[in-house]
Amino acid sequence: MADAGNWCLIESDPGVFTELISGMGVKGVQVDEIWSLDDESMAELKPMYGLIFLFKWQNGQPQPVMADSGPSDHIFFANQVITNACATQAILSILLNRDDIDLGEELANFKEFTADFGPDMKGLAISNSDLIRSVHNSFARSDPFVNEMQDPRSGKDEDVYHFIAYLPIHGALYELDGLSQGPVNLGACDEENWTSKANEAIQNRMARYSAAELHFSLMALTRDRLEMYEEQIEELDGLLLSLAEDAEERKQLNSDRNLLQHKLQMEQEKRSRWHRENTLRKHNFIPMVYNLLRILAEKKQLEPLVTSAKQKATSRLDNAKK
């Protein structure tokens, strides 16, 4: 695979993915983690544009069998040619196959420019995009002791993880995996209820692993909840103004508005937490730690702390054995 200036490992986190998407200029969407694909959970996340699935790559694992797919020239599909790019590539697989997302000027131009490219050339175009690469690498870990995820086809023995995307395209559910030969058509689906078919496909993938394997993650690309709740509150305010005489209906609308206001506040708090976590991810703490250790050593305080820590560790091990 090409390095294209080296691409860092991206952590599987909805706050990271949401900021990454925003950094590429896309507007009006966010990413949320999913704990269940039941109908009630899915209804809470509508409108949903696609799913991003993380799983542990198994060497020699079988490629999914393609259904009767028909022509796929209407699908943006790119081969992964960049080490560690699968997270961003899964995100792009959803963004660039939806007509109802505001991509922003640069990503919209990229989609138009690569429209007639084959999968390999689309992959190379992603690797050579300054915008995509710079936003992706803005999440590079500053810790030199962190081992970067290895490429699934590198033949190494370490556990490696891979992201793929599921989304409906023109009446069919597709699995888009940059390490596959092409887009996988999983059959016809309803635009409103496609997640039930996606759930089946994901469960089938998970069934290939042992019962002890828990290294899976599922996230949804949805409409920006802040934007959506603010619009819904504004709409309710307009209805409340027009129903001055109807006390019962006003009571129900006020109840609905209070619920939306609560959801909006929870979302604002979540965004604030995401922002803080992303800031910490990007900050280089190495100089601070180095200087702290140096000062402790100069004051003859480092060795006693190390000795104390060793004693505590030994004590915990002894207690665990009892």
Protein backbone atom coordinates (compact mmCIF):
# COMPACT_ATOMS: atom_id res chain seq x y z
CA MET A 1 0.00 0.00 0.00
CA ALA A 2 1.07 3.56 -0.58
CA ASP A 3 2.08 5.77 2.34
CA ALA A 4 1.27 9.10 0.65
CA GLY A 5 3.11 10.99 3.36
CA ASN A 6 2.05 8.51 6.12
CA TRP A 7 -1.42 8.39 7.63
CA CYS A 8 -1.92 8.04 11.38
CA LEU A 9 -4.18 5.64 13.23
CA ILE A 10 -7.66 7.07 13.87
CA GLU A 11 -9.33 6.16 17.15
CA SER A 12 -12.79 4.61 16.93
CA ASP A 13 -14.68 7.41 18.64
CA PRO A 14 -17.80 9.37 17.58
CA GLY A 15 -16.30 12.68 18.77
CA VAL A 16 -13.20 12.10 16.65
CA PHE A 17 -15.24 11.14 13.60
CA THR A 18 -17.61 14.10 13.98
CA GLU A 19 -14.74 16.60 14.20
CA LEU A 20 -12.94 14.90 11.30
CA ILE A 21 -16.03 15.24 9.09
CA SER A 22 -16.48 18.88 10.10
CA GLY A 23 -12.81 19.53 9.34
CA MET A 24 -13.36 18.39 5.75
CA GLY A 25 -16.01 21.10 5.37
CA VAL A 26 -19.09 18.86 5.62
CA LYS A 27 -22.08 20.48 7.30
CA GLY A 28 -25.15 19.20 9.13
CA VAL A 29 -24.02 15.70 10.17
CA GLN A 30 -22.52 13.95 13.17
CA VAL A 31 -21.48 10.46 14.28
CA ASP A 32 -22.94 8.57 17.23
CA GLU A 33 -22.06 5.21 18.76
CA ILE A 34 -24.73 2.51 18.52
CA TRP A 35 -25.31 -0.09 21.22
CA SER A 36 -28.34 -1.76 19.67
CA LEU A 37 -29.91 -2.08 16.22
CA ASP A 38 -33.44 -2.60 17.53
CA ASP A 39 -36.23 -0.56 15.95
CA GLU A 40 -36.59 1.82 18.91
CA SER A 41 -32.89 2.71 18.96
CA MET A 42 -32.84 3.20 15.21
CA ALA A 43 -35.88 5.49 15.33
CA GLU A 44 -34.05 7.76 17.80
CA LEU A 45 -31.18 8.21 15.31
CA LYS A 46 -33.22 9.07 12.21
CA PRO A 47 -32.43 10.46 9.77
CA MET A 48 -29.49 8.05 9.47
CA TYR A 49 -27.19 8.17 6.44
CA GLY A 50 -25.03 5.08 6.99
CA LEU A 51 -23.29 2.77 9.46
CA ILE A 52 -19.56 2.42 10.21
CA PHE A 53 -18.55 -1.00 11.53
CA LEU A 54 -15.22 -1.78 13.22
CA PHE A 55 -14.04 -5.38 13.58
CA LYS A 56 -10.84 -7.32 14.16
CA TRP A 57 -9.31 -8.34 10.86
CA GLN A 58 -8.59 -12.05 10.50
CA ASN A 59 -5.90 -13.08 8.04
CA GLY A 60 -7.38 -15.11 5.24
CA GLN A 61 -10.93 -14.30 6.22
CA PRO A 62 -13.36 -14.89 3.35
CA GLN A 63 -14.55 -11.97 1.30
CA PRO A 64 -18.34 -11.47 1.34
CA VAL A 65 -20.14 -13.00 -1.61
CA MET A 66 -21.57 -10.41 -3.93
CA ALA A 67 -25.29 -10.57 -4.48
CA ASP A 68 -26.85 -9.96 -7.88
CA SER A 69 -25.62 -6.41 -7.91
CA GLY A 70 -26.06 -5.18 -11.43
CA PRO A 71 -24.19 -2.05 -12.56
CA SER A 72 -22.31 -0.23 -9.78
CA ASP A 73 -21.00 2.74 -11.75
CA HIS A 74 -23.40 4.97 -9.78
CA ILE A 75 -21.51 4.15 -6.56
CA PHE A 76 -18.46 5.94 -5.21
CA PHE A 77 -16.17 3.04 -4.33
CA ALA A 78 -12.43 3.42 -3.70
CA ASN A 79 -9.83 0.75 -3.09
CA GLN A 80 -7.86 1.37 0.08
CA VAL A 81 -4.29 2.14 -0.99
CA ILE A 82 -3.19 3.90 2.20
CA THR A 83 -2.10 2.27 5.43
CA ASN A 84 -4.29 3.28 8.41
CA ALA A 85 -6.82 5.11 6.21
CA CYS A 86 -9.75 2.70 6.60
CA ALA A 87 -11.62 4.87 9.14
CA THR A 88 -11.58 7.96 6.94
CA GLN A 89 -12.31 5.82 3.88
CA ALA A 90 -15.40 4.30 5.54
CA ILE A 91 -16.62 7.81 6.38
CA LEU A 92 -16.05 8.97 2.80
CA SER A 93 -17.89 5.89 1.49
CA ILE A 94 -21.03 7.24 3.15
CA LEU A 95 -20.53 10.96 2.54
CA LEU A 96 -19.74 10.60 -1.17
CA ASN A 97 -22.67 8.26 -1.86
CA ARG A 98 -25.38 10.49 -0.41
CA ASP A 99 -27.12 13.29 -2.29
CA ASP A 100 -28.73 14.73 0.85
CA ILE A 101 -25.54 15.82 2.67
CA ASP A 102 -23.89 19.23 2.33
CA LEU A 103 -20.32 18.18 1.49
CA GLY A 104 -18.89 21.68 1.41
CA GLU A 105 -17.07 23.13 -1.59
CA GLU A 106 -13.79 21.17 -1.45
CA LEU A 107 -15.24 17.70 -0.91
CA ALA A 108 -17.99 18.34 -3.48
CA ASN A 109 -15.30 19.29 -6.01
CA PHE A 110 -13.36 16.14 -5.10
CA LYS A 111 -16.45 14.00 -5.71
CA GLU A 112 -17.06 15.61 -9.09
CA PHE A 113 -13.37 15.38 -10.09
CA THR A 114 -13.18 11.64 -9.31
CA ALA A 115 -16.63 10.68 -10.63
CA ASP A 116 -15.30 8.82 -13.68
CA PHE A 117 -12.28 7.27 -11.93
CA GLY A 118 -12.02 3.53 -11.30
CA PRO A 119 -11.76 2.21 -7.70
CA ASP A 120 -7.94 2.17 -7.76
CA MET A 121 -7.71 5.73 -9.07
CA LYS A 122 -10.30 6.90 -6.53
CA GLY A 123 -8.14 5.37 -3.80
CA LEU A 124 -5.05 7.17 -5.13
CA ALA A 125 -7.02 10.41 -5.32
CA ILE A 126 -7.91 10.08 -1.63
CA SER A 127 -4.26 9.42 -0.77
CA ASN A 128 -3.20 12.55 -2.65
CA SER A 129 -5.88 14.87 -1.29
CA ASP A 130 -4.20 17.48 0.90
CA LEU A 131 -7.53 18.25 2.57
CA ILE A 132 -8.41 14.67 3.50
CA ARG A 133 -4.87 13.73 4.56
CA SER A 134 -4.30 16.85 6.68
CA VAL A 135 -7.63 16.52 8.52
CA HIS A 136 -7.04 12.80 9.08
CA ASN A 137 -3.53 13.40 10.43
CA SER A 138 -4.70 16.20 12.72
CA PHE A 139 -5.60 13.33 15.08
CA ALA A 140 -2.08 11.88 15.12
CA ARG A 141 -1.07 10.77 18.61
CA SER A 142 1.90 12.65 20.01
CA ASP A 143 2.85 9.71 22.26
CA PRO A 144 5.90 7.99 20.72
CA PHE A 145 5.16 4.84 22.72
CA VAL A 146 1.78 4.20 21.05
CA ASN A 147 1.93 1.40 18.48
CA GLU A 148 0.16 2.36 15.29
CA MET A 149 -2.34 -0.12 13.83
CA GLN A 150 -0.75 -2.30 11.19
CA ASP A 151 -2.21 -2.70 7.74
CA PRO A 152 -4.52 -5.76 7.49
CA ARG A 153 -2.54 -7.11 4.54
CA SER A 154 0.88 -6.59 6.07
CA GLY A 155 1.14 -10.17 7.32
CA LYS A 156 2.04 -9.14 10.90
CA ASP A 157 0.88 -11.16 13.91
CA GLU A 158 -0.55 -8.23 15.88
CA ASP A 159 -4.30 -7.71 16.25
CA VAL A 160 -5.43 -5.36 13.51
CA TYR A 161 -8.76 -3.62 13.09
CA HIS A 162 -10.67 -2.47 10.06
CA PHE A 163 -13.59 -0.12 9.30
CA ILE A 164 -16.25 -0.70 6.64
CA ALA A 165 -19.48 1.10 5.75
CA TYR A 166 -23.10 0.06 5.21
CA LEU A 167 -25.66 2.30 3.56
CA PRO A 168 -28.65 2.23 1.20
CA ILE A 169 -27.97 3.32 -2.39
CA HIS A 170 -30.78 3.47 -4.95
CA GLY A 171 -32.97 0.89 -3.24
CA ALA A 172 -30.27 -1.61 -2.23
CA LEU A 173 -28.11 -2.07 0.86
CA TYR A 174 -24.37 -1.94 0.11
CA GLU A 175 -21.32 -2.97 2.07
CA LEU A 176 -18.37 -0.78 1.10
CA ASP A 177 -14.97 -2.14 2.12
CA GLY A 178 -11.86 -0.61 0.58
CA LEU A 179 -10.06 -3.96 0.86
CA SER A 180 -12.72 -5.75 -1.22
CA GLN A 181 -12.73 -5.92 -5.00
CA GLY A 182 -15.83 -3.80 -5.27
CA PRO A 183 -19.08 -2.71 -3.61
CA VAL A 184 -21.12 -5.61 -2.21
CA ASN A 185 -24.85 -5.49 -2.92
CA LEU A 186 -26.66 -7.15 -0.01
CA GLY A 187 -30.05 -6.99 -1.67
CA ALA A 188 -33.03 -4.68 -2.05
CA CYS A 189 -34.04 -2.57 0.94
CA ASP A 190 -36.44 0.15 1.94
CA GLU A 191 -34.84 3.57 2.41
CA GLU A 192 -36.70 4.02 5.69
CA ASN A 193 -36.02 0.59 7.21
CA TRP A 194 -32.70 -0.51 5.71
CA THR A 195 -31.07 -0.91 9.13
CA SER A 196 -32.79 -4.28 9.72
CA LYS A 197 -30.99 -5.71 6.69
CA ALA A 198 -27.75 -4.05 7.82
CA ASN A 199 -28.21 -5.62 11.26
CA GLU A 200 -28.46 -9.06 9.63
CA ALA A 201 -25.27 -8.48 7.62
CA ILE A 202 -23.37 -7.27 10.69
CA GLN A 203 -24.58 -10.21 12.79
CA ASN A 204 -23.39 -12.58 10.05
CA ARG A 205 -19.94 -10.99 10.15
CA MET A 206 -19.78 -11.21 13.94
CA ALA A 207 -20.83 -14.88 13.81
CA ARG A 208 -17.49 -15.71 12.12
CA TYR A 209 -15.71 -14.99 15.40
CA SER A 210 -15.55 -16.92 18.64
CA ALA A 211 -17.99 -16.10 21.42
CA ALA A 212 -15.14 -14.54 23.42
CA GLU A 213 -14.37 -11.97 20.71
CA LEU A 214 -15.77 -8.62 21.81
CA HIS A 215 -13.72 -6.25 19.67
CA PHE A 216 -16.53 -4.72 17.64
CA SER A 217 -17.79 -1.17 17.35
CA LEU A 218 -20.72 0.30 15.43
CA MET A 219 -21.37 3.97 14.71
CA ALA A 220 -24.03 5.81 12.75
CA LEU A 221 -23.65 8.86 10.55
CA THR A 222 -26.75 10.93 11.28
CA ARG A 223 -28.09 14.43 10.89
CA ASP A 224 -26.59 17.00 13.28
CA ARG A 225 -28.76 16.70 16.40
CA LEU A 226 -28.04 20.27 17.56
CA GLU A 227 -29.28 21.65 14.27
CA MET A 228 -32.28 19.32 14.21
CA TYR A 229 -33.43 20.02 17.80
CA GLU A 230 -33.07 23.78 17.32
CA GLU A 231 -35.24 23.62 14.19
CA GLN A 232 -37.87 21.51 15.96
CA ILE A 233 -37.98 23.90 18.94
CA GLU A 234 -38.39 26.85 16.59
CA GLU A 235 -41.25 25.05 14.83
CA LEU A 236 -43.00 24.33 18.15
CA ASP A 237 -42.60 27.97 19.19
CA GLY A 238 -44.42 29.00 16.03
CA LEU A 239 -47.25 26.55 16.77
CA LEU A 240 -47.53 27.79 20.35
CA LEU A 241 -48.00 31.35 19.13
CA SER A 242 -50.82 30.27 16.84
CA LEU A 243 -52.69 28.25 19.50
CA ALA A 244 -53.33 30.90 22.12
CA GLU A 245 -56.89 29.66 22.77
CA ASP A 246 -56.33 25.88 22.85
CA ALA A 247 -55.11 25.08 26.37
CA GLU A 248 -54.88 21.30 25.99
CA GLU A 249 -52.88 21.42 22.79
CA ARG A 250 -50.62 24.12 24.23
CA LYS A 251 -49.94 21.86 27.21
CA GLN A 252 -48.89 19.01 24.92
CA LEU A 253 -46.73 21.30 22.78
CA ASN A 254 -45.04 22.73 25.88
CA SER A 255 -44.33 19.19 27.07
CA ASP A 256 -42.81 18.33 23.67
CA ARG A 257 -40.77 21.51 23.74
CA ASN A 258 -39.39 20.76 27.22
CA LEU A 259 -38.32 17.30 26.04
CA LEU A 260 -36.56 18.77 23.01
CA GLN A 261 -34.90 21.41 25.18
CA HIS A 262 -33.57 18.64 27.42
CA LYS A 263 -32.26 16.70 24.43
CA LEU A 264 -30.61 19.86 23.10
CA GLN A 265 -28.91 20.51 26.43
CA MET A 266 -27.65 16.91 26.61
CA GLU A 267 -26.27 17.20 23.08
CA GLN A 268 -24.55 20.49 23.88
CA GLU A 269 -22.90 18.89 26.92
CA LYS A 270 -21.79 15.94 24.79
CA ARG A 271 -20.26 18.24 22.18
CA SER A 272 -18.42 20.13 24.92
CA ARG A 273 -17.05 16.84 26.23
CA TRP A 274 -16.02 15.74 22.72
CA HIS A 275 -14.21 19.03 22.16
CA ARG A 276 -12.26 18.69 25.42
CA GLU A 277 -11.35 15.05 24.68
CA ASN A 278 -10.18 15.90 21.16
CA THR A 279 -8.08 18.78 22.49
CA LEU A 280 -6.42 16.41 24.95
CA ARG A 281 -5.86 13.82 22.21
CA LYS A 282 -3.98 16.33 20.10
CA HIS A 283 -1.94 17.86 22.92
CA ASN A 284 1.65 16.72 23.38
CA PHE A 285 2.16 15.92 27.08
CA ILE A 286 5.68 14.50 26.59
CA PRO A 287 7.57 17.75 27.44
CA MET A 288 5.48 18.26 30.60
CA VAL A 289 6.05 14.68 31.78
CA TYR A 290 9.76 14.89 30.98
CA ASN A 291 10.19 18.13 32.94
CA LEU A 292 8.16 16.79 35.87
CA LEU A 293 10.39 13.70 36.09
CA ARG A 294 13.52 15.84 35.76
CA ILE A 295 12.45 18.16 38.59
CA LEU A 296 11.54 15.21 40.84
CA ALA A 297 14.95 13.65 40.15
CA GLU A 298 16.76 16.91 40.92
CA LYS A 299 14.92 17.12 44.26
CA LYS A 300 15.79 13.47 45.04
CA GLN A 301 12.06 12.63 45.08
CA LEU A 302 11.85 10.38 42.02
CA GLU A 303 13.57 7.27 43.39
CA PRO A 304 11.37 7.07 46.53
CA LEU A 305 8.25 7.40 44.35
CA VAL A 306 9.45 4.59 42.06
CA THR A 307 10.23 2.37 45.07
CA SER A 308 6.83 3.07 46.59
CA ALA A 309 5.06 2.28 43.31
CA LYS A 310 6.91 -1.04 43.02
CA GLN A 311 5.96 -1.98 46.58
CA LYS A 312 2.29 -1.19 45.93
CA ALA A 313 2.33 -3.22 42.72
CA THR A 314 3.90 -6.19 44.51
CA SER A 315 1.34 -5.92 47.30
CA ARG A 316 -1.55 -5.94 44.82
CA LEU A 317 -0.14 -9.03 43.10
CA ASP A 318 0.27 -10.82 46.43
CA ASN A 319 -3.31 -9.98 47.44
CA ALA A 320 -4.61 -11.17 44.08
CA LYS A 321 -2.92 -14.54 44.57
CA LYS A 322 -4.56 -15.08 47.97
